[in-house]
PDB file of all heavy atoms in Angstrom:
ATOM      1  N   VAL A   1      -2.846   6.971  -4.499  1.00  0.00           N
ATOM      2  CA  VAL A   1      -3.675   6.282  -3.512  1.00  0.00           C
ATOM      3  C   VAL A   1      -5.093   6.703  -3.725  1.00  0.00           C
ATOM      4  O   VAL A   1      -5.394   7.917  -3.623  1.00  0.00           O
ATOM      5  CB  VAL A   1      -3.166   6.631  -2.070  1.00  0.00           C
ATOM      6  CG1 VAL A   1      -4.038   5.875  -1.037  1.00  0.00           C
ATOM      7  CG2 VAL A   1      -1.681   6.228  -1.906  1.00  0.00           C
ATOM      8  N   GLU A   2      -5.998   5.762  -3.934  1.00  0.00           N
ATOM      9  CA  GLU A   2      -7.407   6.035  -4.098  1.00  0.00           C
ATOM     10  C   GLU A   2      -8.255   5.283  -3.013  1.00  0.00           C
ATOM     11  O   GLU A   2      -8.333   4.051  -3.087  1.00  0.00           O
ATOM     12  CB  GLU A   2      -7.873   5.632  -5.503  1.00  0.00           C
ATOM     13  CG  GLU A   2      -7.143   6.425  -6.618  1.00  0.00           C
ATOM     14  CD  GLU A   2      -7.686   6.004  -7.979  1.00  0.00           C
ATOM     15  OE1 GLU A   2      -8.713   5.269  -8.040  1.00  0.00           O
ATOM     16  OE2 GLU A   2      -7.088   6.446  -9.053  1.00  0.00           O
ATOM     17  N   VAL A   3      -8.832   6.093  -2.143  1.00  0.00           N
ATOM     18  CA  VAL A   3      -9.594   5.490  -1.035  1.00  0.00           C
ATOM     19  C   VAL A   3     -10.916   6.226  -0.980  1.00  0.00           C
ATOM     20  O   VAL A   3     -10.907   7.462  -0.949  1.00  0.00           O
ATOM     21  CB  VAL A   3      -8.865   5.612   0.349  1.00  0.00           C
ATOM     22  CG1 VAL A   3      -9.703   5.023   1.397  1.00  0.00           C
ATOM     23  CG2 VAL A   3      -7.478   4.926   0.206  1.00  0.00           C
ATOM     24  N   PRO A   4     -12.055   5.498  -0.972  1.00  0.00           N
ATOM     25  CA  PRO A   4     -13.331   6.264  -0.868  1.00  0.00           C
ATOM     26  C   PRO A   4     -13.437   6.981   0.484  1.00  0.00           C
ATOM     27  O   PRO A   4     -12.935   6.532   1.461  1.00  0.00           O
ATOM     28  CB  PRO A   4     -14.365   5.102  -0.965  1.00  0.00           C
ATOM     29  CG  PRO A   4     -13.621   3.892  -0.671  1.00  0.00           C
ATOM     30  CD  PRO A   4     -12.199   4.053  -1.059  1.00  0.00           C
ATOM     31  N   PRO A   5     -14.092   8.107   0.462  1.00  0.00           N
ATOM     32  CA  PRO A   5     -14.154   8.989   1.684  1.00  0.00           C
ATOM     33  C   PRO A   5     -14.851   8.268   2.877  1.00  0.00           C
ATOM     34  O   PRO A   5     -14.511   8.680   4.023  1.00  0.00           O
ATOM     35  CB  PRO A   5     -14.944  10.204   1.202  1.00  0.00           C
ATOM     36  CG  PRO A   5     -15.663   9.720  -0.020  1.00  0.00           C
ATOM     37  CD  PRO A   5     -14.853   8.697  -0.665  1.00  0.00           C
ATOM     38  N   ARG A   6     -15.675   7.416   2.667  1.00  0.00           N
ATOM     39  CA  ARG A   6     -16.473   6.785   3.783  1.00  0.00           C
ATOM     40  C   ARG A   6     -16.045   5.340   4.011  1.00  0.00           C
ATOM     41  O   ARG A   6     -16.824   4.485   4.418  1.00  0.00           O
ATOM     42  CB  ARG A   6     -17.923   6.888   3.546  1.00  0.00           C
ATOM     43  CG  ARG A   6     -18.444   8.346   3.524  1.00  0.00           C
ATOM     44  CD  ARG A   6     -19.930   8.405   3.344  1.00  0.00           C
ATOM     45  NE  ARG A   6     -20.418   9.748   3.279  1.00  0.00           N
ATOM     46  CZ  ARG A   6     -21.737  10.125   3.206  1.00  0.00           C
ATOM     47  NH1 ARG A   6     -22.619   9.131   3.116  1.00  0.00           N
ATOM     48  NH2 ARG A   6     -22.057  11.394   3.200  1.00  0.00           N
ATOM     49  N   LEU A   7     -14.817   4.968   3.730  1.00  0.00           N
ATOM     50  CA  LEU A   7     -14.319   3.665   3.994  1.00  0.00           C
ATOM     51  C   LEU A   7     -14.390   3.313   5.482  1.00  0.00           C
ATOM     52  O   LEU A   7     -13.912   4.114   6.300  1.00  0.00           O
ATOM     53  CB  LEU A   7     -12.881   3.467   3.464  1.00  0.00           C
ATOM     54  CG  LEU A   7     -12.345   2.088   3.503  1.00  0.00           C
ATOM     55  CD1 LEU A   7     -13.073   1.243   2.368  1.00  0.00           C
ATOM     56  CD2 LEU A   7     -10.833   2.071   3.176  1.00  0.00           C
ATOM     57  N   PRO A   8     -14.976   2.216   5.853  1.00  0.00           N
ATOM     58  CA  PRO A   8     -15.053   1.901   7.288  1.00  0.00           C
ATOM     59  C   PRO A   8     -13.740   1.677   7.902  1.00  0.00           C
ATOM     60  O   PRO A   8     -12.758   1.387   7.283  1.00  0.00           O
ATOM     61  CB  PRO A   8     -15.871   0.583   7.321  1.00  0.00           C
ATOM     62  CG  PRO A   8     -16.546   0.490   5.989  1.00  0.00           C
ATOM     63  CD  PRO A   8     -15.652   1.196   5.014  1.00  0.00           C
ATOM     64  N   ALA A   9     -13.630   1.995   9.207  1.00  0.00           N
ATOM     65  CA  ALA A   9     -12.432   1.670   9.986  1.00  0.00           C
ATOM     66  C   ALA A   9     -12.144   0.212  10.019  1.00  0.00           C
ATOM     67  O   ALA A   9     -13.087  -0.645  10.036  1.00  0.00           O
ATOM     68  CB  ALA A   9     -12.508   2.274  11.402  1.00  0.00           C
ATOM     69  N   VAL A  10     -10.880  -0.156  10.031  1.00  0.00           N
ATOM     70  CA  VAL A  10     -10.469  -1.552  10.100  1.00  0.00           C
ATOM     71  C   VAL A  10      -9.688  -1.812  11.330  1.00  0.00           C
ATOM     72  O   VAL A  10      -8.829  -1.068  11.708  1.00  0.00           O
ATOM     73  CB  VAL A  10      -9.601  -1.922   8.826  1.00  0.00           C
ATOM     74  CG1 VAL A  10      -9.269  -3.359   8.761  1.00  0.00           C
ATOM     75  CG2 VAL A  10     -10.342  -1.513   7.531  1.00  0.00           C
ATOM     76  N   HIS A  11      -9.934  -2.966  11.964  1.00  0.00           N
ATOM     77  CA  HIS A  11      -9.161  -3.434  13.126  1.00  0.00           C
ATOM     78  C   HIS A  11      -7.817  -3.877  12.558  1.00  0.00           C
ATOM     79  O   HIS A  11      -7.748  -4.842  11.852  1.00  0.00           O
ATOM     80  CB  HIS A  11      -9.899  -4.533  13.910  1.00  0.00           C
ATOM     81  CG  HIS A  11     -10.839  -4.097  14.814  1.00  0.00           C
ATOM     82  ND1 HIS A  11     -12.157  -3.822  14.450  1.00  0.00           N
ATOM     83  CD2 HIS A  11     -10.814  -3.790  16.153  1.00  0.00           C
ATOM     84  CE1 HIS A  11     -12.845  -3.368  15.540  1.00  0.00           C
ATOM     85  NE2 HIS A  11     -12.021  -3.333  16.575  1.00  0.00           N
ATOM     86  N   LEU A  12      -6.751  -3.208  12.951  1.00  0.00           N
ATOM     87  CA  LEU A  12      -5.389  -3.592  12.526  1.00  0.00           C
ATOM     88  C   LEU A  12      -4.401  -3.193  13.533  1.00  0.00           C
ATOM     89  O   LEU A  12      -4.557  -2.310  14.364  1.00  0.00           O
ATOM     90  CB  LEU A  12      -5.094  -2.954  11.122  1.00  0.00           C
ATOM     91  CG  LEU A  12      -5.216  -1.427  11.019  1.00  0.00           C
ATOM     92  CD1 LEU A  12      -3.935  -0.774  11.366  1.00  0.00           C
ATOM     93  CD2 LEU A  12      -5.537  -1.075   9.504  1.00  0.00           C
ATOM     94  N   ASP A  13      -3.208  -3.839  13.497  1.00  0.00           N
ATOM     95  CA  ASP A  13      -2.113  -3.522  14.309  1.00  0.00           C
ATOM     96  C   ASP A  13      -1.346  -2.387  13.614  1.00  0.00           C
ATOM     97  O   ASP A  13      -0.900  -2.544  12.469  1.00  0.00           O
ATOM     98  CB  ASP A  13      -1.172  -4.758  14.456  1.00  0.00           C
ATOM     99  CG  ASP A  13      -0.069  -4.542  15.428  1.00  0.00           C
ATOM    100  OD1 ASP A  13       0.803  -3.679  15.126  1.00  0.00           O
ATOM    101  OD2 ASP A  13      -0.026  -5.200  16.472  1.00  0.00           O
ATOM    102  N   ALA A  14      -1.175  -1.294  14.342  1.00  0.00           N
ATOM    103  CA  ALA A  14      -0.626  -0.054  13.756  1.00  0.00           C
ATOM    104  C   ALA A  14       0.840  -0.163  13.360  1.00  0.00           C
ATOM    105  O   ALA A  14       1.368   0.709  12.654  1.00  0.00           O
ATOM    106  CB  ALA A  14      -0.868   1.090  14.654  1.00  0.00           C
ATOM    107  N   ILE A  15       1.522  -1.251  13.772  1.00  0.00           N
ATOM    108  CA  ILE A  15       2.899  -1.477  13.473  1.00  0.00           C
ATOM    109  C   ILE A  15       3.033  -2.606  12.434  1.00  0.00           C
ATOM    110  O   ILE A  15       3.729  -2.421  11.417  1.00  0.00           O
ATOM    111  CB  ILE A  15       3.741  -1.797  14.702  1.00  0.00           C
ATOM    112  CG1 ILE A  15       3.762  -0.622  15.645  1.00  0.00           C
ATOM    113  CG2 ILE A  15       5.153  -2.194  14.268  1.00  0.00           C
ATOM    114  CD1 ILE A  15       4.457  -0.839  16.941  1.00  0.00           C
ATOM    115  N   LEU A  16       2.335  -3.660  12.623  1.00  0.00           N
ATOM    116  CA  LEU A  16       2.520  -4.843  11.804  1.00  0.00           C
ATOM    117  C   LEU A  16       1.913  -4.651  10.351  1.00  0.00           C
ATOM    118  O   LEU A  16       2.566  -4.984   9.411  1.00  0.00           O
ATOM    119  CB  LEU A  16       1.883  -6.096  12.429  1.00  0.00           C
ATOM    120  CG  LEU A  16       2.635  -6.626  13.620  1.00  0.00           C
ATOM    121  CD1 LEU A  16       1.812  -7.809  14.253  1.00  0.00           C
ATOM    122  CD2 LEU A  16       3.994  -7.132  13.277  1.00  0.00           C
ATOM    123  N   LEU A  17       0.673  -4.165  10.307  1.00  0.00           N
ATOM    124  CA  LEU A  17       0.064  -4.090   8.970  1.00  0.00           C
ATOM    125  C   LEU A  17       0.780  -3.057   8.096  1.00  0.00           C
ATOM    126  O   LEU A  17       1.011  -3.408   6.890  1.00  0.00           O
ATOM    127  CB  LEU A  17      -1.418  -3.726   9.001  1.00  0.00           C
ATOM    128  CG  LEU A  17      -2.171  -3.804   7.689  1.00  0.00           C
ATOM    129  CD1 LEU A  17      -2.183  -5.245   7.245  1.00  0.00           C
ATOM    130  CD2 LEU A  17      -3.478  -3.223   7.703  1.00  0.00           C
ATOM    131  N   PRO A  18       1.182  -1.889   8.619  1.00  0.00           N
ATOM    132  CA  PRO A  18       1.987  -1.014   7.734  1.00  0.00           C
ATOM    133  C   PRO A  18       3.268  -1.690   7.166  1.00  0.00           C
ATOM    134  O   PRO A  18       3.648  -1.443   6.077  1.00  0.00           O
ATOM    135  CB  PRO A  18       2.308   0.155   8.638  1.00  0.00           C
ATOM    136  CG  PRO A  18       1.143   0.224   9.586  1.00  0.00           C
ATOM    137  CD  PRO A  18       0.854  -1.205   9.824  1.00  0.00           C
ATOM    138  N   HIS A  19       3.822  -2.520   8.014  1.00  0.00           N
ATOM    139  CA  HIS A  19       5.032  -3.201   7.607  1.00  0.00           C
ATOM    140  C   HIS A  19       4.751  -4.162   6.424  1.00  0.00           C
ATOM    141  O   HIS A  19       5.525  -4.287   5.494  1.00  0.00           O
ATOM    142  CB  HIS A  19       5.617  -4.001   8.792  1.00  0.00           C
ATOM    143  CG  HIS A  19       7.027  -4.607   8.499  1.00  0.00           C
ATOM    144  ND1 HIS A  19       8.019  -3.875   7.906  1.00  0.00           N
ATOM    145  CD2 HIS A  19       7.426  -5.896   8.583  1.00  0.00           C
ATOM    146  CE1 HIS A  19       9.055  -4.708   7.716  1.00  0.00           C
ATOM    147  NE2 HIS A  19       8.722  -5.939   8.112  1.00  0.00           N
ATOM    148  N   ALA A  20       3.578  -4.838   6.506  1.00  0.00           N
ATOM    149  CA  ALA A  20       3.182  -5.680   5.394  1.00  0.00           C
ATOM    150  C   ALA A  20       3.006  -4.872   4.105  1.00  0.00           C
ATOM    151  O   ALA A  20       3.417  -5.296   3.022  1.00  0.00           O
ATOM    152  CB  ALA A  20       1.885  -6.455   5.755  1.00  0.00           C
ATOM    153  N   LEU A  21       2.320  -3.773   4.204  1.00  0.00           N
ATOM    154  CA  LEU A  21       2.105  -2.887   3.093  1.00  0.00           C
ATOM    155  C   LEU A  21       3.447  -2.379   2.494  1.00  0.00           C
ATOM    156  O   LEU A  21       3.589  -2.314   1.267  1.00  0.00           O
ATOM    157  CB  LEU A  21       1.232  -1.694   3.471  1.00  0.00           C
ATOM    158  CG  LEU A  21      -0.218  -2.085   3.826  1.00  0.00           C
ATOM    159  CD1 LEU A  21      -0.962  -0.846   4.420  1.00  0.00           C
ATOM    160  CD2 LEU A  21      -0.919  -2.526   2.534  1.00  0.00           C
ATOM    161  N   ILE A  22       4.368  -2.018   3.340  1.00  0.00           N
ATOM    162  CA  ILE A  22       5.718  -1.557   2.944  1.00  0.00           C
ATOM    163  C   ILE A  22       6.364  -2.623   2.111  1.00  0.00           C
ATOM    164  O   ILE A  22       6.977  -2.391   1.033  1.00  0.00           O
ATOM    165  CB  ILE A  22       6.505  -1.137   4.143  1.00  0.00           C
ATOM    166  CG1 ILE A  22       6.005   0.240   4.667  1.00  0.00           C
ATOM    167  CG2 ILE A  22       7.974  -0.958   3.694  1.00  0.00           C
ATOM    168  CD1 ILE A  22       6.504   0.584   6.013  1.00  0.00           C
ATOM    169  N   ASN A  23       6.281  -3.875   2.556  1.00  0.00           N
ATOM    170  CA  ASN A  23       6.889  -4.994   1.850  1.00  0.00           C
ATOM    171  C   ASN A  23       6.266  -5.129   0.486  1.00  0.00           C
ATOM    172  O   ASN A  23       6.986  -5.404  -0.539  1.00  0.00           O
ATOM    173  CB  ASN A  23       6.785  -6.288   2.642  1.00  0.00           C
ATOM    174  CG  ASN A  23       7.725  -6.381   3.814  1.00  0.00           C
ATOM    175  OD1 ASN A  23       8.579  -5.447   4.010  1.00  0.00           O
ATOM    176  ND2 ASN A  23       7.645  -7.383   4.562  1.00  0.00           N
ATOM    177  N   VAL A  24       4.951  -5.072   0.389  1.00  0.00           N
ATOM    178  CA  VAL A  24       4.256  -5.172  -0.947  1.00  0.00           C
ATOM    179  C   VAL A  24       4.656  -4.079  -1.871  1.00  0.00           C
ATOM    180  O   VAL A  24       4.943  -4.316  -3.031  1.00  0.00           O
ATOM    181  CB  VAL A  24       2.700  -5.258  -0.714  1.00  0.00           C
ATOM    182  CG1 VAL A  24       2.017  -5.209  -2.116  1.00  0.00           C
ATOM    183  CG2 VAL A  24       2.361  -6.548   0.083  1.00  0.00           C
ATOM    184  N   LEU A  25       4.657  -2.828  -1.355  1.00  0.00           N
ATOM    185  CA  LEU A  25       5.056  -1.650  -2.164  1.00  0.00           C
ATOM    186  C   LEU A  25       6.491  -1.786  -2.600  1.00  0.00           C
ATOM    187  O   LEU A  25       6.815  -1.466  -3.762  1.00  0.00           O
ATOM    188  CB  LEU A  25       4.824  -0.367  -1.379  1.00  0.00           C
ATOM    189  CG  LEU A  25       3.425   0.147  -1.253  1.00  0.00           C
ATOM    190  CD1 LEU A  25       3.343   1.241  -0.208  1.00  0.00           C
ATOM    191  CD2 LEU A  25       2.925   0.625  -2.621  1.00  0.00           C
ATOM    192  N   ASP A  26       7.388  -2.190  -1.700  1.00  0.00           N
ATOM    193  CA  ASP A  26       8.785  -2.356  -2.069  1.00  0.00           C
ATOM    194  C   ASP A  26       8.965  -3.395  -3.190  1.00  0.00           C
ATOM    195  O   ASP A  26       9.772  -3.194  -4.115  1.00  0.00           O
ATOM    196  CB  ASP A  26       9.601  -2.781  -0.821  1.00  0.00           C
ATOM    197  CG  ASP A  26      11.072  -2.916  -1.122  1.00  0.00           C
ATOM    198  OD1 ASP A  26      11.690  -1.871  -1.439  1.00  0.00           O
ATOM    199  OD2 ASP A  26      11.624  -3.964  -0.985  1.00  0.00           O
ATOM    200  N   ASN A  27       8.202  -4.455  -3.114  1.00  0.00           N
ATOM    201  CA  ASN A  27       8.254  -5.461  -4.095  1.00  0.00           C
ATOM    202  C   ASN A  27       7.759  -4.956  -5.467  1.00  0.00           C
ATOM    203  O   ASN A  27       8.315  -5.234  -6.547  1.00  0.00           O
ATOM    204  CB  ASN A  27       7.421  -6.644  -3.749  1.00  0.00           C
ATOM    205  CG  ASN A  27       7.719  -7.944  -4.476  1.00  0.00           C
ATOM    206  OD1 ASN A  27       8.745  -8.562  -4.255  1.00  0.00           O
ATOM    207  ND2 ASN A  27       6.877  -8.271  -5.392  1.00  0.00           N
ATOM    208  N   ALA A  28       6.697  -4.117  -5.435  1.00  0.00           N
ATOM    209  CA  ALA A  28       6.155  -3.542  -6.684  1.00  0.00           C
ATOM    210  C   ALA A  28       7.157  -2.636  -7.309  1.00  0.00           C
ATOM    211  O   ALA A  28       7.301  -2.650  -8.576  1.00  0.00           O
ATOM    212  CB  ALA A  28       4.854  -2.791  -6.372  1.00  0.00           C
ATOM    213  N   ALA A  29       7.862  -1.826  -6.521  1.00  0.00           N
ATOM    214  CA  ALA A  29       8.868  -0.901  -7.049  1.00  0.00           C
ATOM    215  C   ALA A  29      10.067  -1.738  -7.596  1.00  0.00           C
ATOM    216  O   ALA A  29      10.617  -1.348  -8.704  1.00  0.00           O
ATOM    217  CB  ALA A  29       9.395   0.044  -5.976  1.00  0.00           C
ATOM    218  N   LYS A  30      10.409  -2.783  -6.913  1.00  0.00           N
ATOM    219  CA  LYS A  30      11.599  -3.570  -7.322  1.00  0.00           C
ATOM    220  C   LYS A  30      11.366  -4.267  -8.685  1.00  0.00           C
ATOM    221  O   LYS A  30      12.262  -4.417  -9.440  1.00  0.00           O
ATOM    222  CB  LYS A  30      11.803  -4.665  -6.243  1.00  0.00           C
ATOM    223  CG  LYS A  30      13.116  -5.402  -6.396  1.00  0.00           C
ATOM    224  CD  LYS A  30      13.332  -6.309  -5.202  1.00  0.00           C
ATOM    225  CE  LYS A  30      13.355  -5.650  -3.858  1.00  0.00           C
ATOM    226  NZ  LYS A  30      13.554  -6.590  -2.770  1.00  0.00           N
ATOM    227  N   TYR A  31      10.105  -4.660  -8.988  1.00  0.00           N
ATOM    228  CA  TYR A  31       9.857  -5.418 -10.174  1.00  0.00           C
ATOM    229  C   TYR A  31       9.104  -4.595 -11.259  1.00  0.00           C
ATOM    230  O   TYR A  31       8.514  -5.130 -12.135  1.00  0.00           O
ATOM    231  CB  TYR A  31       8.934  -6.630  -9.854  1.00  0.00           C
ATOM    232  CG  TYR A  31       9.706  -7.774  -9.183  1.00  0.00           C
ATOM    233  CD1 TYR A  31       9.883  -7.846  -7.818  1.00  0.00           C
ATOM    234  CD2 TYR A  31      10.326  -8.707  -9.993  1.00  0.00           C
ATOM    235  CE1 TYR A  31      10.555  -8.893  -7.240  1.00  0.00           C
ATOM    236  CE2 TYR A  31      11.086  -9.709  -9.406  1.00  0.00           C
ATOM    237  CZ  TYR A  31      11.169  -9.843  -8.086  1.00  0.00           C
ATOM    238  OH  TYR A  31      11.865 -10.914  -7.502  1.00  0.00           O
ATOM    239  N   SER A  32       9.267  -3.290 -11.198  1.00  0.00           N
ATOM    240  CA  SER A  32       8.722  -2.430 -12.289  1.00  0.00           C
ATOM    241  C   SER A  32       9.768  -1.360 -12.694  1.00  0.00           C
ATOM    242  O   SER A  32      10.502  -0.960 -11.786  1.00  0.00           O
ATOM    243  CB  SER A  32       7.396  -1.822 -11.848  1.00  0.00           C
ATOM    244  OG  SER A  32       7.546  -1.117 -10.638  1.00  0.00           O
ATOM    245  N   PRO A  33       9.752  -0.951 -13.945  1.00  0.00           N
ATOM    246  CA  PRO A  33      10.773   0.017 -14.361  1.00  0.00           C
ATOM    247  C   PRO A  33      10.659   1.327 -13.620  1.00  0.00           C
ATOM    248  O   PRO A  33       9.538   1.719 -13.222  1.00  0.00           O
ATOM    249  CB  PRO A  33      10.408   0.173 -15.860  1.00  0.00           C
ATOM    250  CG  PRO A  33       9.621  -1.065 -16.223  1.00  0.00           C
ATOM    251  CD  PRO A  33       8.869  -1.408 -14.963  1.00  0.00           C
ATOM    252  N   PRO A  34      11.766   2.056 -13.439  1.00  0.00           N
ATOM    253  CA  PRO A  34      11.742   3.363 -12.828  1.00  0.00           C
ATOM    254  C   PRO A  34      10.779   4.299 -13.604  1.00  0.00           C
ATOM    255  O   PRO A  34      10.716   4.251 -14.823  1.00  0.00           O
ATOM    256  CB  PRO A  34      13.223   3.846 -12.952  1.00  0.00           C
ATOM    257  CG  PRO A  34      13.990   2.570 -13.092  1.00  0.00           C
ATOM    258  CD  PRO A  34      13.102   1.653 -13.825  1.00  0.00           C
ATOM    259  N   GLY A  35      10.105   5.109 -12.813  1.00  0.00           N
ATOM    260  CA  GLY A  35       9.233   6.064 -13.469  1.00  0.00           C
ATOM    261  C   GLY A  35       7.810   5.594 -13.691  1.00  0.00           C
ATOM    262  O   GLY A  35       6.972   6.379 -13.991  1.00  0.00           O
ATOM    263  N   THR A  36       7.609   4.263 -13.709  1.00  0.00           N
ATOM    264  CA  THR A  36       6.247   3.726 -13.948  1.00  0.00           C
ATOM    265  C   THR A  36       5.447   3.823 -12.676  1.00  0.00           C
ATOM    266  O   THR A  36       5.972   3.662 -11.568  1.00  0.00           O
ATOM    267  CB  THR A  36       6.281   2.251 -14.414  1.00  0.00           C
ATOM    268  OG1 THR A  36       6.985   1.492 -13.439  1.00  0.00           O
ATOM    269  CG2 THR A  36       6.959   2.156 -15.720  1.00  0.00           C
ATOM    270  N   PRO A  37       4.130   4.090 -12.762  1.00  0.00           N
ATOM    271  CA  PRO A  37       3.367   4.336 -11.559  1.00  0.00           C
ATOM    272  C   PRO A  37       2.944   3.059 -10.811  1.00  0.00           C
ATOM    273  O   PRO A  37       2.949   1.999 -11.364  1.00  0.00           O
ATOM    274  CB  PRO A  37       2.097   4.990 -12.129  1.00  0.00           C
ATOM    275  CG  PRO A  37       1.978   4.424 -13.550  1.00  0.00           C
ATOM    276  CD  PRO A  37       3.390   4.241 -14.038  1.00  0.00           C
ATOM    277  N   ILE A  38       2.732   3.296  -9.531  1.00  0.00           N
ATOM    278  CA  ILE A  38       2.156   2.287  -8.636  1.00  0.00           C
ATOM    279  C   ILE A  38       0.812   2.834  -8.196  1.00  0.00           C
ATOM    280  O   ILE A  38       0.707   3.970  -7.712  1.00  0.00           O
ATOM    281  CB  ILE A  38       3.005   1.978  -7.467  1.00  0.00           C
ATOM    282  CG1 ILE A  38       4.330   1.273  -7.988  1.00  0.00           C
ATOM    283  CG2 ILE A  38       2.363   1.069  -6.460  1.00  0.00           C
ATOM    284  CD1 ILE A  38       5.378   1.020  -6.905  1.00  0.00           C
ATOM    285  N   GLU A  39      -0.241   2.039  -8.313  1.00  0.00           N
ATOM    286  CA  GLU A  39      -1.558   2.466  -7.879  1.00  0.00           C
ATOM    287  C   GLU A  39      -2.069   1.619  -6.711  1.00  0.00           C
ATOM    288  O   GLU A  39      -2.023   0.408  -6.777  1.00  0.00           O
ATOM    289  CB  GLU A  39      -2.512   2.336  -9.109  1.00  0.00           C
ATOM    290  CG  GLU A  39      -2.089   3.207 -10.293  1.00  0.00           C
ATOM    291  CD  GLU A  39      -2.594   2.595 -11.615  1.00  0.00           C
ATOM    292  OE1 GLU A  39      -3.236   1.516 -11.624  1.00  0.00           O
ATOM    293  OE2 GLU A  39      -2.333   3.134 -12.652  1.00  0.00           O
ATOM    294  N   ILE A  40      -2.493   2.420  -5.711  1.00  0.00           N
ATOM    295  CA  ILE A  40      -3.021   1.729  -4.439  1.00  0.00           C
ATOM    296  C   ILE A  40      -4.448   2.063  -4.269  1.00  0.00           C
ATOM    297  O   ILE A  40      -4.836   3.263  -4.304  1.00  0.00           O
ATOM    298  CB  ILE A  40      -2.229   2.173  -3.234  1.00  0.00           C
ATOM    299  CG1 ILE A  40      -0.701   1.996  -3.458  1.00  0.00           C
ATOM    300  CG2 ILE A  40      -2.597   1.448  -1.992  1.00  0.00           C
ATOM    301  CD1 ILE A  40       0.169   2.707  -2.412  1.00  0.00           C
ATOM    302  N   THR A  41      -5.251   1.087  -4.155  1.00  0.00           N
ATOM    303  CA  THR A  41      -6.692   1.330  -3.994  1.00  0.00           C
ATOM    304  C   THR A  41      -7.209   0.595  -2.733  1.00  0.00           C
ATOM    305  O   THR A  41      -6.568  -0.361  -2.234  1.00  0.00           O
ATOM    306  CB  THR A  41      -7.458   0.821  -5.196  1.00  0.00           C
ATOM    307  OG1 THR A  41      -7.189  -0.575  -5.406  1.00  0.00           O
ATOM    308  CG2 THR A  41      -7.075   1.565  -6.430  1.00  0.00           C
TER     309      THR A  41
END
């Protein structure tokens, strides 16, 4: 996970948006070989 230290705060729903990110991450893991990295920026 690479996030700049001064990234502005974002208006988001603390339950819904994490769920969207979890779905995207789960999809990335599902469609890539075990052991290969996932990079989040």
